Protein backbone atom coordinates (compact mmCIF):
# COMPACT_ATOMS: atom_id res chain seq x y z
CA MET A 1 0.00 0.00 0.00
CA ASN A 2 1.15 3.54 -0.63
CA ARG A 3 0.88 6.57 1.68
CA ILE A 4 -2.37 7.73 0.10
CA ASP A 5 -4.05 4.36 0.66
CA LEU A 6 -2.83 4.33 4.25
CA ALA A 7 -3.84 7.95 4.83
CA ASN A 8 -7.34 7.15 3.53
CA LEU A 9 -7.70 4.45 6.18
CA ILE A 10 -6.27 6.59 8.97
CA PHE A 11 -8.44 9.56 8.02
CA GLU A 12 -11.56 7.38 8.02
CA LYS A 13 -10.71 6.04 11.49
CA LEU A 14 -9.91 9.42 13.01
CA SER A 15 -12.95 11.06 11.46
CA LEU A 16 -15.16 8.33 12.87
CA GLU A 17 -13.63 8.70 16.35
CA LYS A 18 -13.08 12.47 16.27
CA ASP A 19 -15.68 13.53 18.83
CA LYS A 20 -14.57 10.84 21.27
CA LEU A 21 -10.91 11.76 20.81
CA LYS A 22 -11.60 15.46 21.35
CA PHE A 23 -13.37 14.57 24.59
CA GLN A 24 -10.46 12.36 25.63
CA PHE A 25 -7.97 15.13 24.86
CA GLU A 26 -9.96 17.83 26.67
CA ASN A 27 -10.23 15.63 29.75
CA SER A 28 -6.61 14.46 29.80
CA ASP A 29 -4.26 16.01 32.33
CA SER A 30 -4.15 19.74 31.70
CA ASN A 31 -0.35 19.86 31.95
CA ILE A 32 0.19 17.37 29.11
CA GLY A 33 -2.70 16.93 26.73
CA TYR A 34 -2.87 13.51 25.07
CA TRP A 35 -5.18 11.00 23.41
CA TYR A 36 -4.94 7.60 21.79
CA VAL A 37 -6.93 5.47 19.38
CA ASP A 38 -6.81 1.68 19.08
CA ASP A 39 -7.11 -0.47 15.93
CA LEU A 40 -5.91 2.42 13.81
CA LEU A 41 -5.45 0.27 10.70
CA PRO A 42 -6.89 -3.07 9.62
CA GLU A 43 -4.98 -5.74 11.53
CA ASP A 44 -3.44 -7.37 8.46
CA ILE A 45 -1.85 -4.07 7.41
CA ALA A 46 -0.51 -3.35 10.91
CA LEU A 47 0.99 -6.85 10.97
CA LYS A 48 2.72 -6.22 7.64
CA ILE A 49 4.24 -3.01 9.00
CA ALA A 50 5.59 -4.91 12.00
CA LYS A 51 6.95 -7.68 9.80
CA VAL A 52 9.03 -5.40 7.56
CA PHE A 53 10.84 -3.63 10.41
CA PRO A 54 14.61 -4.03 9.99
CA ASP A 55 16.73 -6.10 12.33
CA SER A 56 18.52 -4.24 15.11
CA GLY A 57 21.81 -4.59 13.23
CA GLN A 58 20.39 -2.47 10.39
CA MET A 59 19.46 0.39 12.70
CA VAL A 60 21.45 2.95 14.70
CA LEU A 61 21.98 2.13 18.38
CA LYS A 62 21.73 5.13 20.69
CA LYS A 63 23.10 4.02 24.04
CA SER A 64 23.98 6.33 26.91
CA LEU A 65 22.79 7.31 30.36
CA ARG A 66 20.03 9.24 28.59
CA GLU A 67 18.60 6.42 26.49
CA ASN A 68 19.13 2.97 25.05
CA LYS A 69 17.24 2.23 21.82
CA TYR A 70 17.55 1.56 18.10
CA ILE A 71 16.48 4.27 15.64
CA ALA A 72 16.33 4.88 11.91
CA ALA A 73 15.37 7.89 9.79
CA GLN A 74 17.07 7.18 6.43
CA MET A 75 13.94 5.42 5.22
CA ASN A 76 15.07 4.61 1.66
CA LEU A 77 17.32 1.93 3.19
CA TYR A 78 14.35 -0.16 4.32
CA ASP A 79 11.15 -1.72 3.04
CA SER A 80 9.10 0.95 1.29
CA LEU A 81 6.04 0.24 3.47
CA LEU A 82 7.83 1.86 6.42
CA GLU A 83 8.37 5.11 4.54
CA GLU A 84 4.78 5.04 3.30
CA ILE A 85 3.26 4.65 6.78
CA ILE A 86 5.46 7.42 8.20
CA PHE A 87 4.47 9.87 5.47
CA ALA A 88 0.82 8.82 5.58
CA PHE A 89 0.73 10.71 8.89
CA GLN A 90 1.92 13.79 6.99
CA ASP A 91 -1.04 13.74 4.59
CA GLN A 92 -2.74 17.14 4.91
CA ARG A 93 -6.07 15.55 5.82
CA ILE A 94 -4.46 13.69 8.72
CA VAL A 95 -2.54 16.75 9.86
CA ALA A 96 -5.72 18.84 9.76
CA VAL A 97 -7.94 16.42 11.69
CA ILE A 98 -5.27 15.85 14.37
CA GLY A 99 -4.82 19.62 14.65
CA GLU A 100 -8.58 19.99 15.06
CA ILE A 101 -8.72 17.34 17.79
CA CYS A 102 -5.82 18.99 19.64
CA GLU A 103 -7.07 22.53 18.99
CA ILE A 104 -3.86 23.54 17.21
CA LYS A 105 -4.11 25.83 14.19
CA ASN A 106 -2.12 24.85 11.11
CA PRO A 107 0.27 22.21 12.48
CA ILE A 108 3.16 21.47 10.14
CA PRO A 109 4.48 17.93 9.49
CA ASP A 110 8.22 17.32 9.23
CA GLU A 111 9.41 15.82 5.95
CA ASN A 112 12.97 15.73 7.35
CA LEU A 113 11.92 13.31 10.12
CA TYR A 114 14.06 15.22 12.61
CA ALA A 115 14.16 12.78 15.57
CA GLY A 116 11.30 10.88 13.90
CA GLY A 117 11.20 7.76 11.73
CA ILE A 118 11.17 4.33 13.35
CA SER A 119 12.49 3.01 16.65
CA MET A 120 12.89 -0.34 18.32
CA MET A 121 13.64 -1.29 21.92
CA GLY A 122 14.56 -4.67 23.40
CA LYS A 123 15.20 -6.10 26.84
CA LYS A 124 16.82 -3.65 29.31
CA GLN A 125 16.48 -0.76 26.87
CA PHE A 126 14.77 2.47 27.97
CA LEU A 127 14.25 6.17 27.42
CA ASN A 128 14.75 8.30 30.53
CA PRO A 129 12.35 11.15 31.42
CA HIS A 130 12.97 14.08 29.08
CA LEU A 131 11.64 17.10 27.24
CA ASP A 132 11.87 16.89 23.46
CA ASN A 133 13.94 19.53 21.69
CA SER A 134 11.70 22.59 21.42
CA HIS A 135 12.33 23.26 17.71
CA ASP A 136 12.80 21.74 14.26
CA LYS A 137 16.25 21.06 12.84
CA ASP A 138 16.64 24.62 11.52
CA ARG A 139 15.31 26.16 14.73
CA ASN A 140 12.56 28.00 12.86
CA LEU A 141 9.44 26.16 14.06
CA TRP A 142 8.19 25.02 17.47
CA ARG A 143 7.62 21.33 18.15
CA VAL A 144 4.01 20.92 19.28
CA LEU A 145 2.87 17.29 18.87
CA ASN A 146 4.45 13.86 19.18
CA LEU A 147 2.80 11.02 17.21
CA LEU A 148 3.62 7.44 18.23
CA TYR A 149 2.20 4.46 16.36
CA TYR A 150 2.94 1.09 18.00
CA VAL A 151 3.11 -2.02 15.82
CA THR A 152 4.34 -4.93 17.95
CA PRO A 153 1.79 -7.77 17.95
CA ASP A 154 0.69 -9.09 21.36
CA TRP A 155 2.81 -6.56 23.29
CA GLN A 156 1.65 -6.73 26.91
CA GLU A 157 1.80 -3.79 29.32
CA GLU A 158 3.85 -5.80 31.82
CA TYR A 159 6.63 -6.16 29.21
CA GLY A 160 7.61 -2.50 29.71
CA GLY A 161 8.40 -0.17 26.83
CA ASN A 162 5.32 1.90 27.64
CA LEU A 163 4.96 5.65 27.25
CA GLU A 164 5.07 7.49 30.58
CA LEU A 165 3.87 11.04 31.09
CA TRP A 166 4.96 13.08 34.11
CA PRO A 167 2.49 16.03 34.07
CA ASN A 168 3.25 17.00 37.67
CA GLY A 169 6.98 16.33 37.64
CA LEU A 170 9.05 13.39 38.81
CA GLU A 171 7.86 13.79 42.40
CA GLN A 172 4.35 12.63 41.44
CA LYS A 173 3.23 9.31 39.95
CA GLN A 174 3.44 9.08 36.18
CA ILE A 175 0.63 8.30 33.72
CA THR A 176 1.40 5.05 31.86
CA ILE A 177 0.07 4.52 28.35
CA HIS A 178 0.41 0.95 27.12
CA SER A 179 2.33 0.66 23.84
CA LYS A 180 -0.39 -1.63 22.56
CA PHE A 181 -0.31 -3.11 19.06
CA ASN A 182 -2.00 -0.93 16.41
CA ARG A 183 -2.42 2.00 18.83
CA LEU A 184 -1.71 5.61 17.88
CA VAL A 185 -0.82 7.96 20.74
CA ILE A 186 -0.69 11.74 20.37
CA MET A 187 0.83 13.97 23.06
CA GLU A 188 1.60 17.66 23.36
CA THR A 189 5.22 18.78 23.46
CA HIS A 190 6.20 21.95 25.31
CA ASN A 191 8.37 23.09 28.22
CA ASP A 192 6.45 20.95 30.72
CA SER A 193 5.76 17.78 28.70
CA LEU A 194 8.14 15.48 30.56
CA HIS A 195 7.85 11.90 29.29
CA SER A 196 9.75 8.63 29.13
CA VAL A 197 9.63 5.00 28.03
CA SER A 198 9.70 2.40 30.80
CA PRO A 199 12.54 -0.17 30.76
CA ILE A 200 11.74 -3.33 28.82
CA VAL A 201 11.80 -6.56 30.83
CA PHE A 202 10.80 -8.95 28.05
CA GLU A 203 12.82 -10.91 25.48
CA GLY A 204 11.44 -9.19 22.43
CA TYR A 205 11.35 -5.86 20.60
CA ARG A 206 8.81 -3.05 20.89
CA ARG A 207 8.44 -1.32 17.51
CA CYS A 208 7.23 2.22 16.94
CA VAL A 209 6.62 4.59 14.01
CA SER A 210 7.21 8.23 15.02
CA ASN A 211 6.32 11.65 13.66
CA TYR A 212 6.41 15.19 15.02
CA TYR A 213 4.28 18.16 14.09
CA PHE A 214 5.55 21.73 14.38
CA ALA A 215 3.97 25.18 14.39
CA LYS A 216 4.99 28.81 13.97
CA SER A 217 4.11 29.51 17.62
CA PRO A 218 4.70 27.44 20.78
CA LEU A 219 1.85 25.77 22.65
CA LEU A 220 2.56 27.73 25.82
CA ALA A 221 3.32 31.43 26.04
CA SER A 222 6.01 30.55 28.58
CA ASP A 223 7.84 28.14 26.25
CA LYS A 224 11.49 28.86 25.60
CA PHE A 225 14.11 27.23 23.40
CA HIS A 226 15.67 24.10 24.92
CA VAL A 227 17.70 21.14 23.75
CA THR A 228 16.43 17.63 24.43
CA SER A 229 16.61 17.68 28.21
CA PHE A 230 16.96 14.43 30.15
CA ARG A 231 16.35 13.58 33.78
CA GLY A 232 16.98 10.44 35.81
CA ARG A 233 14.07 8.31 36.95
CA PRO A 234 12.81 9.17 40.47
CA GLU A 235 14.64 6.21 42.00
CA ASN A 236 17.98 7.19 40.47
CA LYS A 237 19.10 10.49 42.03
CA MET A 238 22.71 10.23 40.85
CA ALA A 239 21.71 9.75 37.21
CA ASP A 240 19.35 12.72 37.57
CA LEU A 241 22.18 14.95 38.78
CA VAL A 242 24.47 13.87 35.93
CA LEU A 243 21.77 14.33 33.30
CA ARG A 244 20.75 17.77 34.55
CA THR A 245 24.40 18.83 34.37
CA ASP A 246 24.62 17.38 30.86
CA THR A 247 21.58 19.44 29.78
CA PHE A 248 23.04 22.61 31.29
CA LEU A 249 26.32 22.16 29.40
CA ARG A 250 24.58 21.46 26.09
CA MET A 251 22.40 24.53 26.55
CA CYS A 252 25.53 26.63 27.12
CA ILE A 253 26.95 25.35 23.82
CA ARG A 254 23.73 26.20 21.97
CA LYS A 255 23.88 29.79 23.23
CA VAL A 256 27.11 30.12 21.26
CA PHE A 257 26.35 27.77 18.34
CA LYS A 258 22.66 28.23 17.46
CA LYS A 259 22.40 24.94 15.53
CA GLY A 260 24.94 23.02 17.59
CA ILE A 261 28.56 22.17 16.92
CA LYS A 262 27.66 19.46 14.40
CA GLU A 263 24.55 18.55 12.45
CA ASN A 264 22.19 16.11 14.11
CA PRO A 265 22.40 12.93 11.97
CA HIS A 266 18.85 11.84 12.90
CA VAL A 267 17.19 13.25 9.76
CA TYR A 268 16.03 11.81 6.44
CA LYS A 269 18.41 12.91 3.68
CA LYS A 270 16.38 12.01 0.61
CA ASP A 271 19.26 12.66 -1.80
CA GLN A 272 21.39 9.91 -0.24
């Protein structure tokens, strides 16, 4: 299937569920708005997407105190279905209906897949609490929405690898959203949208298709530029101290070098 076929199916599903999703979004925690929809695509199509994911050896391993996961954004290296499902979420009909549900005017999809694309996480891998980078790769637009489409069949909540939202900070209990097969999750991104992925405790891989939407204005009037800013989990105070220092130092660098010292490689370079 191509991106138009996939977008047709997604648009039909979201249009059908729109009122319910708007209600879910409006009644989610006011500090981090979110919603999710299950059975986004017909099951056979979602299974095909899962099946064509590359092996871990064909992806980039990002492993540090901040995170431990496999990522990929250079989509022409992989099965074409993966590129088609990613860009189906950038169809203007999809962008518009998601913007309407989230009450965001004129959200802008990211054809560069800056920090988007596909990801995979296996046993003992994780993503520590963090704020996403506030801007696009050229630092012209504000990041406003995070789209996560999970495609691992039979993935149980107790396996880990679930999205965690921390709307009231690390001192309060997080909201856990199961990374359930064929589920699309949408969350706001701003200066207070702290989130993480729980450590995986299962011998298997959790697979995810990711997109971000941007806008000309931030979601919150108080939003300011920031790099991707990591924290340690509540039970790991030492990691939290190290990661907060790491964020401070990277912010100091960005005050001097607006776009960083080197280009972030996590983008889709279509000419390569």
